[in-house]
Structures are given as C-alpha cells and as structure tokens.
Amino acid sequence: MKDVNSMPMISSFYGIIVYIYKEMGGKHHVPHFHATYAEYEAVYDFEANLIEGNLPRKQMKLVEAWVLLHSDELNAAWKAWNEHGEVIKIEGLR
C-alpha cells in the first residue's frame, strides 16, 4: 500500500482517516481511497468494496456506511484531485 503521508486527507470520523490518491497508472486501476485506523489500513472503491488491506469490523462497517452516503462526493473529489490537484473535503459520520 501507499504511504498515506503523500496523500491528502479528505475526511475523518471516529478515529478513521480517509485519504485520496492520485492514480496515475497505479495498481488498483479504479477510483479508490485509503482508510486508516490505528495501525490498520484498507483500500476501498467508491461502491464500498474492499480492494486491499483490512480494518477492524466496526470501523469497516463505518467506512462502508460513509461511502454509501458520500459516493457522489467521492467521485467529485477523485476527479478534482486527479484532474486539477484540488482537494475536496467530505464530511465524516456523526
């Protein structure tokens, strides 16, 4: 997985931090984000499918719910970051 320090944070909630990555020929070949929680890291697509990594079950369910609520915003953030280098923040769960 990538070093999350090289990716901008786009959201955080309940100790989970969400980062977006510029794909430029990357290995996942689909729009995706990285979610971290403590020492865990997971990569998800914008339909809440786990691509790589893992999170504790509770945090995994929170990330999946967040994706379902914000999929349109994720797509807009992905496009803005990959096409213009613009970082769009997305509200976390409350």
N, C-alpha and C. Protein backbone atom coordinates (compact mmCIF):
# COMPACT_ATOMS: atom_id res chain seq x y z
N MET A 1 0.84 -1.19 0.00
CA MET A 1 0.00 0.00 0.00
C MET A 1 0.87 1.24 0.00
N LYS A 2 0.28 2.35 -0.34
CA LYS A 2 1.00 3.61 -0.45
C LYS A 2 1.23 4.24 0.91
N ASP A 3 2.21 5.13 0.97
CA ASP A 3 2.46 5.93 2.16
C ASP A 3 1.38 7.01 2.23
N VAL A 4 0.50 6.92 3.23
CA VAL A 4 -0.60 7.87 3.31
C VAL A 4 -0.13 9.30 3.53
N ASN A 5 1.11 9.49 3.94
CA ASN A 5 1.63 10.85 4.12
C ASN A 5 1.75 11.59 2.80
N SER A 6 1.75 10.87 1.67
CA SER A 6 1.83 11.51 0.36
C SER A 6 0.46 11.76 -0.25
N MET A 7 -0.61 11.44 0.49
CA MET A 7 -1.97 11.61 0.01
C MET A 7 -2.70 12.62 0.88
N PRO A 8 -3.53 13.48 0.29
CA PRO A 8 -4.28 14.42 1.12
C PRO A 8 -5.44 13.74 1.85
N MET A 9 -5.66 14.19 3.09
CA MET A 9 -6.79 13.70 3.87
C MET A 9 -8.05 14.39 3.36
N ILE A 10 -9.11 13.60 3.12
CA ILE A 10 -10.37 14.21 2.66
C ILE A 10 -11.48 14.10 3.70
N SER A 11 -11.31 13.23 4.71
CA SER A 11 -12.33 13.10 5.74
C SER A 11 -11.75 12.39 6.95
N SER A 12 -12.41 12.59 8.08
CA SER A 12 -12.06 11.82 9.28
C SER A 12 -13.29 11.72 10.17
N PHE A 13 -13.43 10.58 10.82
CA PHE A 13 -14.55 10.33 11.73
C PHE A 13 -14.24 9.13 12.59
N TYR A 14 -14.56 9.21 13.86
CA TYR A 14 -14.40 8.11 14.82
C TYR A 14 -13.00 7.48 14.77
N GLY A 15 -11.99 8.29 14.61
CA GLY A 15 -10.62 7.79 14.56
C GLY A 15 -10.17 7.25 13.22
N ILE A 16 -11.07 7.25 12.24
CA ILE A 16 -10.76 6.79 10.89
C ILE A 16 -10.36 7.99 10.06
N ILE A 17 -9.28 7.88 9.32
CA ILE A 17 -8.84 8.96 8.44
C ILE A 17 -8.88 8.45 7.00
N VAL A 18 -9.48 9.25 6.12
CA VAL A 18 -9.66 8.87 4.72
C VAL A 18 -8.76 9.74 3.86
N TYR A 19 -7.97 9.09 3.01
CA TYR A 19 -7.04 9.76 2.11
C TYR A 19 -7.39 9.44 0.66
N ILE A 20 -7.16 10.38 -0.22
CA ILE A 20 -7.38 10.14 -1.64
C ILE A 20 -6.01 10.06 -2.32
N TYR A 21 -5.94 9.27 -3.36
CA TYR A 21 -4.66 9.01 -4.02
C TYR A 21 -4.77 9.31 -5.51
N LYS A 22 -3.76 9.96 -6.05
CA LYS A 22 -3.71 10.23 -7.49
C LYS A 22 -3.29 8.96 -8.20
N GLU A 23 -4.14 8.43 -9.05
CA GLU A 23 -3.96 7.07 -9.58
C GLU A 23 -2.90 6.96 -10.66
N MET A 24 -2.59 7.85 -11.44
CA MET A 24 -1.53 7.87 -12.45
C MET A 24 -0.87 6.51 -12.70
N GLY A 25 -1.61 5.58 -13.29
CA GLY A 25 -1.06 4.27 -13.63
C GLY A 25 -0.85 3.36 -12.44
N GLY A 26 -1.57 3.59 -11.36
CA GLY A 26 -1.41 2.80 -10.15
C GLY A 26 -1.93 1.38 -10.29
N LYS A 27 -1.72 0.60 -9.26
CA LYS A 27 -2.00 -0.83 -9.34
C LYS A 27 -3.48 -1.18 -9.19
N HIS A 28 -4.30 -0.30 -8.64
CA HIS A 28 -5.70 -0.67 -8.42
C HIS A 28 -6.59 -0.41 -9.64
N HIS A 29 -6.22 0.50 -10.48
CA HIS A 29 -6.89 0.76 -11.76
C HIS A 29 -8.36 1.14 -11.64
N VAL A 30 -8.80 1.54 -10.48
CA VAL A 30 -10.16 2.05 -10.29
C VAL A 30 -10.08 3.23 -9.32
N PRO A 31 -11.02 4.16 -9.40
CA PRO A 31 -11.05 5.22 -8.39
C PRO A 31 -11.18 4.58 -7.00
N HIS A 32 -10.36 5.03 -6.07
CA HIS A 32 -10.36 4.43 -4.74
C HIS A 32 -9.81 5.40 -3.71
N PHE A 33 -9.94 5.02 -2.45
CA PHE A 33 -9.38 5.81 -1.35
C PHE A 33 -8.77 4.84 -0.34
N HIS A 34 -7.95 5.41 0.52
CA HIS A 34 -7.33 4.64 1.60
C HIS A 34 -7.94 5.11 2.91
N ALA A 35 -8.29 4.17 3.78
CA ALA A 35 -8.81 4.49 5.11
C ALA A 35 -7.86 3.88 6.13
N THR A 36 -7.50 4.68 7.14
CA THR A 36 -6.63 4.17 8.19
C THR A 36 -7.34 4.29 9.53
N TYR A 37 -7.01 3.37 10.40
CA TYR A 37 -7.50 3.38 11.77
C TYR A 37 -6.42 2.71 12.61
N ALA A 38 -5.82 3.47 13.52
CA ALA A 38 -4.70 2.96 14.32
C ALA A 38 -3.64 2.38 13.37
N GLU A 39 -3.26 1.11 13.56
CA GLU A 39 -2.23 0.51 12.69
C GLU A 39 -2.82 -0.16 11.46
N TYR A 40 -4.12 -0.07 11.26
CA TYR A 40 -4.80 -0.72 10.13
C TYR A 40 -4.91 0.23 8.94
N GLU A 41 -4.90 -0.34 7.74
CA GLU A 41 -5.13 0.42 6.52
C GLU A 41 -5.89 -0.46 5.53
N ALA A 42 -6.85 0.15 4.85
CA ALA A 42 -7.62 -0.57 3.84
C ALA A 42 -7.86 0.34 2.65
N VAL A 43 -8.03 -0.26 1.50
CA VAL A 43 -8.30 0.46 0.25
C VAL A 43 -9.68 0.04 -0.22
N TYR A 44 -10.52 1.03 -0.54
CA TYR A 44 -11.90 0.78 -0.98
C TYR A 44 -12.16 1.49 -2.30
N ASP A 45 -13.07 0.90 -3.09
CA ASP A 45 -13.57 1.63 -4.26
C ASP A 45 -14.77 2.48 -3.81
N PHE A 46 -15.39 3.18 -4.73
CA PHE A 46 -16.45 4.11 -4.37
C PHE A 46 -17.82 3.45 -4.26
N GLU A 47 -17.84 2.12 -4.29
CA GLU A 47 -19.07 1.37 -4.04
C GLU A 47 -18.94 0.58 -2.73
N ALA A 48 -17.95 0.94 -1.93
CA ALA A 48 -17.68 0.34 -0.62
C ALA A 48 -17.15 -1.08 -0.69
N ASN A 49 -16.54 -1.46 -1.82
CA ASN A 49 -15.91 -2.77 -1.94
C ASN A 49 -14.47 -2.68 -1.46
N LEU A 50 -14.08 -3.58 -0.59
CA LEU A 50 -12.72 -3.65 -0.11
C LEU A 50 -11.81 -4.17 -1.22
N ILE A 51 -10.77 -3.41 -1.54
CA ILE A 51 -9.82 -3.81 -2.58
C ILE A 51 -8.61 -4.49 -1.96
N GLU A 52 -8.13 -3.93 -0.85
CA GLU A 52 -6.90 -4.44 -0.24
C GLU A 52 -6.86 -4.00 1.21
N GLY A 53 -6.18 -4.77 2.05
CA GLY A 53 -5.98 -4.38 3.44
C GLY A 53 -7.13 -4.82 4.33
N ASN A 54 -7.14 -4.25 5.55
CA ASN A 54 -8.21 -4.57 6.48
C ASN A 54 -8.34 -3.50 7.56
N LEU A 55 -9.50 -3.47 8.15
CA LEU A 55 -9.81 -2.63 9.30
C LEU A 55 -10.56 -3.52 10.30
N PRO A 56 -10.59 -3.14 11.57
CA PRO A 56 -11.45 -3.89 12.49
C PRO A 56 -12.90 -3.84 11.99
N ARG A 57 -13.68 -4.86 12.32
CA ARG A 57 -15.04 -4.99 11.78
C ARG A 57 -15.90 -3.73 11.99
N LYS A 58 -15.88 -3.17 13.19
CA LYS A 58 -16.70 -1.98 13.47
C LYS A 58 -16.31 -0.82 12.56
N GLN A 59 -15.01 -0.56 12.41
CA GLN A 59 -14.54 0.53 11.56
C GLN A 59 -14.81 0.24 10.09
N MET A 60 -14.74 -1.03 9.70
CA MET A 60 -15.06 -1.40 8.33
C MET A 60 -16.51 -1.04 8.00
N LYS A 61 -17.43 -1.35 8.92
CA LYS A 61 -18.84 -1.04 8.72
C LYS A 61 -19.07 0.47 8.66
N LEU A 62 -18.34 1.24 9.49
CA LEU A 62 -18.46 2.70 9.46
C LEU A 62 -17.99 3.26 8.12
N VAL A 63 -16.87 2.75 7.62
CA VAL A 63 -16.36 3.22 6.32
C VAL A 63 -17.35 2.87 5.21
N GLU A 64 -17.89 1.67 5.23
CA GLU A 64 -18.85 1.27 4.21
C GLU A 64 -20.09 2.16 4.23
N ALA A 65 -20.59 2.49 5.42
CA ALA A 65 -21.75 3.39 5.53
C ALA A 65 -21.41 4.77 5.01
N TRP A 66 -20.22 5.26 5.34
CA TRP A 66 -19.77 6.58 4.88
C TRP A 66 -19.71 6.63 3.36
N VAL A 67 -19.18 5.59 2.74
CA VAL A 67 -19.09 5.55 1.28
C VAL A 67 -20.49 5.61 0.65
N LEU A 68 -21.41 4.84 1.18
CA LEU A 68 -22.76 4.82 0.62
C LEU A 68 -23.43 6.19 0.72
N LEU A 69 -23.14 6.93 1.78
CA LEU A 69 -23.71 8.27 1.95
C LEU A 69 -23.04 9.32 1.07
N HIS A 70 -21.78 9.10 0.72
CA HIS A 70 -20.99 10.14 0.06
C HIS A 70 -20.39 9.72 -1.29
N SER A 71 -20.97 8.74 -1.96
CA SER A 71 -20.36 8.24 -3.20
C SER A 71 -20.27 9.32 -4.28
N ASP A 72 -21.28 10.16 -4.41
CA ASP A 72 -21.21 11.24 -5.42
C ASP A 72 -20.09 12.22 -5.08
N GLU A 73 -19.96 12.54 -3.81
CA GLU A 73 -18.89 13.45 -3.38
C GLU A 73 -17.51 12.81 -3.58
N LEU A 74 -17.41 11.52 -3.34
CA LEU A 74 -16.14 10.82 -3.58
C LEU A 74 -15.73 10.90 -5.05
N ASN A 75 -16.69 10.68 -5.93
CA ASN A 75 -16.40 10.78 -7.36
C ASN A 75 -15.96 12.19 -7.73
N ALA A 76 -16.61 13.20 -7.20
CA ALA A 76 -16.23 14.59 -7.47
C ALA A 76 -14.85 14.89 -6.91
N ALA A 77 -14.57 14.40 -5.70
CA ALA A 77 -13.25 14.63 -5.09
C ALA A 77 -12.15 13.94 -5.88
N TRP A 78 -12.44 12.72 -6.34
CA TRP A 78 -11.48 11.97 -7.16
C TRP A 78 -11.14 12.73 -8.44
N LYS A 79 -12.18 13.19 -9.12
CA LYS A 79 -11.99 13.92 -10.37
C LYS A 79 -11.22 15.21 -10.13
N ALA A 80 -11.60 15.97 -9.11
CA ALA A 80 -10.92 17.24 -8.82
C ALA A 80 -9.45 17.02 -8.50
N TRP A 81 -9.14 15.98 -7.72
CA TRP A 81 -7.75 15.71 -7.34
C TRP A 81 -6.94 15.21 -8.53
N ASN A 82 -7.48 14.29 -9.30
CA ASN A 82 -6.74 13.72 -10.42
C ASN A 82 -6.61 14.66 -11.61
N GLU A 83 -7.60 15.51 -11.84
CA GLU A 83 -7.55 16.41 -12.99
C GLU A 83 -6.96 17.78 -12.69
N HIS A 84 -7.15 18.27 -11.46
CA HIS A 84 -6.75 19.64 -11.16
C HIS A 84 -5.87 19.77 -9.92
N GLY A 85 -5.64 18.68 -9.20
CA GLY A 85 -4.85 18.75 -7.98
C GLY A 85 -5.59 19.44 -6.85
N GLU A 86 -6.91 19.56 -6.98
CA GLU A 86 -7.74 20.23 -5.97
C GLU A 86 -8.21 19.20 -4.95
N VAL A 87 -8.09 19.54 -3.66
CA VAL A 87 -8.52 18.66 -2.59
C VAL A 87 -9.90 19.11 -2.11
N ILE A 88 -10.87 18.22 -2.20
CA ILE A 88 -12.21 18.49 -1.73
C ILE A 88 -12.44 17.65 -0.47
N LYS A 89 -12.77 18.31 0.62
CA LYS A 89 -13.05 17.63 1.89
C LYS A 89 -14.49 17.11 1.88
N ILE A 90 -14.70 15.97 2.52
CA ILE A 90 -16.02 15.35 2.62
C ILE A 90 -16.34 15.16 4.10
N GLU A 91 -17.55 15.52 4.48
CA GLU A 91 -17.97 15.41 5.87
C GLU A 91 -17.90 13.96 6.35
N GLY A 92 -17.47 13.78 7.58
CA GLY A 92 -17.43 12.45 8.17
C GLY A 92 -18.76 12.08 8.77
N LEU A 93 -18.84 10.87 9.31
CA LEU A 93 -20.05 10.44 10.01
C LEU A 93 -20.12 11.14 11.35
N ARG A 94 -21.34 11.34 11.81
CA ARG A 94 -21.53 11.94 13.14
C ARG A 94 -22.27 10.98 14.04
